[in-house]
Amino acid sequence: MTTTSPLHGQPYSIRCTLTFGDIYPQILIWMAVIFVSLAAGLALMGTSKPIFALVGVGLILVLSLPFLLFAFITTLLNHIAVVPEQAP
C-alpha cells in the first residue's frame, strides 16, 4: 500500500513484517493452557459434582481468550512498519 504524506508530500509504504515464528510461542502457550484446563476438568469429572469441572474449563477458556487476542494484536501492531519510499 503506497500513499503520500499530507505534510511533506513524500510517498511511504505500509509493510507488515510479521512471520509465523513471531506468534508460534503464543499459540503453544495457549494450547498448553487449554490442555492443562482440560486435564483439570477430567480430574474433577470423577468427583461427585462434575458441573464444577465444566464450569472450571469454561472459565479458564473464557478468561484466557482476551489475553490471547491482546497478545496477537499487540504483536501484529509491533510488526507494522511505515517506510518512506526511495525516489527512482
C-alpha atoms as a PDB file:
ATOM      1  CA  MET A   1       0.000   0.000   0.000  1.00  0.00           C
ATOM      2  CA  THR A   2       1.527   3.283  -1.092  1.00  0.00           C
ATOM      3  CA  THR A   3       0.217   6.710  -0.169  1.00  0.00           C
ATOM      4  CA  THR A   4       1.523  10.241   0.016  1.00  0.00           C
ATOM      5  CA  SER A   5       2.208  12.016   3.277  1.00  0.00           C
ATOM      6  CA  PRO A   6      -0.105  15.016   3.699  1.00  0.00           C
ATOM      7  CA  LEU A   7       2.627  17.053   5.405  1.00  0.00           C
ATOM      8  CA  HIS A   8       5.695  16.538   3.263  1.00  0.00           C
ATOM      9  CA  GLY A   9       4.419  15.033   0.023  1.00  0.00           C
ATOM     10  CA  GLN A  10       6.824  12.126   0.407  1.00  0.00           C
ATOM     11  CA  PRO A  11       5.412   8.708  -0.523  1.00  0.00           C
ATOM     12  CA  TYR A  12       5.575   5.954   2.049  1.00  0.00           C
ATOM     13  CA  SER A  13       4.712   2.269   2.223  1.00  0.00           C
ATOM     14  CA  ILE A  14       2.988   0.324   4.970  1.00  0.00           C
ATOM     15  CA  ARG A  15       4.581  -3.093   5.404  1.00  0.00           C
ATOM     16  CA  CYS A  16       3.790  -5.939   7.751  1.00  0.00           C
ATOM     17  CA  THR A  17       6.889  -7.836   8.850  1.00  0.00           C
ATOM     18  CA  LEU A  18       5.009 -10.426  10.923  1.00  0.00           C
ATOM     19  CA  THR A  19       6.129 -14.011  10.467  1.00  0.00           C
ATOM     20  CA  PHE A  20       4.743 -17.251  11.823  1.00  0.00           C
ATOM     21  CA  GLY A  21       7.714 -17.524  14.169  1.00  0.00           C
ATOM     22  CA  ASP A  22       6.564 -14.357  15.928  1.00  0.00           C
ATOM     23  CA  ILE A  23       3.238 -15.848  17.020  1.00  0.00           C
ATOM     24  CA  TYR A  24       4.242 -19.504  17.283  1.00  0.00           C
ATOM     25  CA  PRO A  25       5.229 -19.325  21.009  1.00  0.00           C
ATOM     26  CA  GLN A  26       1.930 -17.618  21.827  1.00  0.00           C
ATOM     27  CA  ILE A  27       0.000 -20.417  20.143  1.00  0.00           C
ATOM     28  CA  LEU A  28       1.999 -23.056  22.019  1.00  0.00           C
ATOM     29  CA  ILE A  29       1.409 -21.365  25.378  1.00  0.00           C
ATOM     30  CA  TRP A  30      -2.323 -21.060  24.760  1.00  0.00           C
ATOM     31  CA  MET A  31      -2.505 -24.714  23.708  1.00  0.00           C
ATOM     32  CA  ALA A  32      -0.735 -25.633  26.947  1.00  0.00           C
ATOM     33  CA  VAL A  33      -3.326 -23.624  28.893  1.00  0.00           C
ATOM     34  CA  ILE A  34      -6.120 -25.450  27.067  1.00  0.00           C
ATOM     35  CA  PHE A  35      -4.608 -28.882  27.727  1.00  0.00           C
ATOM     36  CA  VAL A  36      -3.990 -28.133  31.403  1.00  0.00           C
ATOM     37  CA  SER A  37      -7.564 -26.903  31.845  1.00  0.00           C
ATOM     38  CA  LEU A  38      -8.924 -29.983  30.095  1.00  0.00           C
ATOM     39  CA  ALA A  39      -6.756 -32.233  32.273  1.00  0.00           C
ATOM     40  CA  ALA A  40      -8.014 -30.446  35.382  1.00  0.00           C
ATOM     41  CA  GLY A  41     -11.577 -30.791  34.100  1.00  0.00           C
ATOM     42  CA  LEU A  42     -11.155 -34.513  33.551  1.00  0.00           C
ATOM     43  CA  ALA A  43      -9.655 -34.869  37.032  1.00  0.00           C
ATOM     44  CA  LEU A  44     -12.641 -33.059  38.547  1.00  0.00           C
ATOM     45  CA  MET A  45     -15.104 -35.026  36.428  1.00  0.00           C
ATOM     46  CA  GLY A  46     -14.668 -38.048  38.694  1.00  0.00           C
ATOM     47  CA  THR A  47     -15.823 -36.127  41.762  1.00  0.00           C
ATOM     48  CA  SER A  48     -19.402 -36.048  42.957  1.00  0.00           C
ATOM     49  CA  LYS A  49     -20.086 -32.685  41.276  1.00  0.00           C
ATOM     50  CA  PRO A  50     -18.979 -32.748  37.624  1.00  0.00           C
ATOM     51  CA  ILE A  51     -20.579 -29.354  36.986  1.00  0.00           C
ATOM     52  CA  PHE A  52     -17.520 -27.819  38.693  1.00  0.00           C
ATOM     53  CA  ALA A  53     -15.344 -29.418  36.025  1.00  0.00           C
ATOM     54  CA  LEU A  54     -17.376 -27.918  33.175  1.00  0.00           C
ATOM     55  CA  VAL A  55     -17.517 -24.509  34.837  1.00  0.00           C
ATOM     56  CA  GLY A  56     -13.775 -24.602  35.534  1.00  0.00           C
ATOM     57  CA  VAL A  57     -12.822 -25.475  31.953  1.00  0.00           C
ATOM     58  CA  GLY A  58     -15.214 -22.898  30.548  1.00  0.00           C
ATOM     59  CA  LEU A  59     -13.943 -20.234  32.928  1.00  0.00           C
ATOM     60  CA  ILE A  60     -10.313 -20.888  32.062  1.00  0.00           C
ATOM     61  CA  LEU A  61     -11.016 -20.774  28.322  1.00  0.00           C
ATOM     62  CA  VAL A  62     -13.150 -17.634  28.537  1.00  0.00           C
ATOM     63  CA  LEU A  63     -10.631 -15.821  30.723  1.00  0.00           C
ATOM     64  CA  SER A  64      -7.599 -16.812  28.639  1.00  0.00           C
ATOM     65  CA  LEU A  65      -9.092 -15.794  25.278  1.00  0.00           C
ATOM     66  CA  PRO A  66      -8.823 -11.995  25.830  1.00  0.00           C
ATOM     67  CA  PHE A  67      -5.160 -12.388  26.794  1.00  0.00           C
ATOM     68  CA  LEU A  68      -4.523 -14.410  23.649  1.00  0.00           C
ATOM     69  CA  LEU A  69      -6.223 -11.811  21.469  1.00  0.00           C
ATOM     70  CA  PHE A  70      -4.318  -8.998  23.201  1.00  0.00           C
ATOM     71  CA  ALA A  71      -1.031 -10.812  22.580  1.00  0.00           C
ATOM     72  CA  PHE A  72      -1.863 -11.386  18.900  1.00  0.00           C
ATOM     73  CA  ILE A  73      -2.974  -7.809  18.303  1.00  0.00           C
ATOM     74  CA  THR A  74      -0.010  -6.191  20.041  1.00  0.00           C
ATOM     75  CA  THR A  75       2.386  -8.497  18.197  1.00  0.00           C
ATOM     76  CA  LEU A  76       0.747  -7.554  14.906  1.00  0.00           C
ATOM     77  CA  LEU A  77       0.849  -3.831  15.665  1.00  0.00           C
ATOM     78  CA  ASN A  78       4.518  -4.065  16.639  1.00  0.00           C
ATOM     79  CA  HIS A  79       5.312  -5.529  13.216  1.00  0.00           C
ATOM     80  CA  ILE A  80       3.636  -2.858  11.078  1.00  0.00           C
ATOM     81  CA  ALA A  81       6.229  -0.544   9.581  1.00  0.00           C
ATOM     82  CA  VAL A  82       5.687   2.756   7.781  1.00  0.00           C
ATOM     83  CA  VAL A  83       8.678   3.113   5.476  1.00  0.00           C
ATOM     84  CA  PRO A  84       9.417   6.100   3.216  1.00  0.00           C
ATOM     85  CA  GLU A  85       9.870   5.051  -0.393  1.00  0.00           C
ATOM     86  CA  GLN A  86      13.069   5.801  -2.253  1.00  0.00           C
ATOM     87  CA  ALA A  87      12.785   8.084  -5.257  1.00  0.00           C
ATOM     88  CA  PRO A  88      13.593   6.276  -8.533  1.00  0.00           C
END
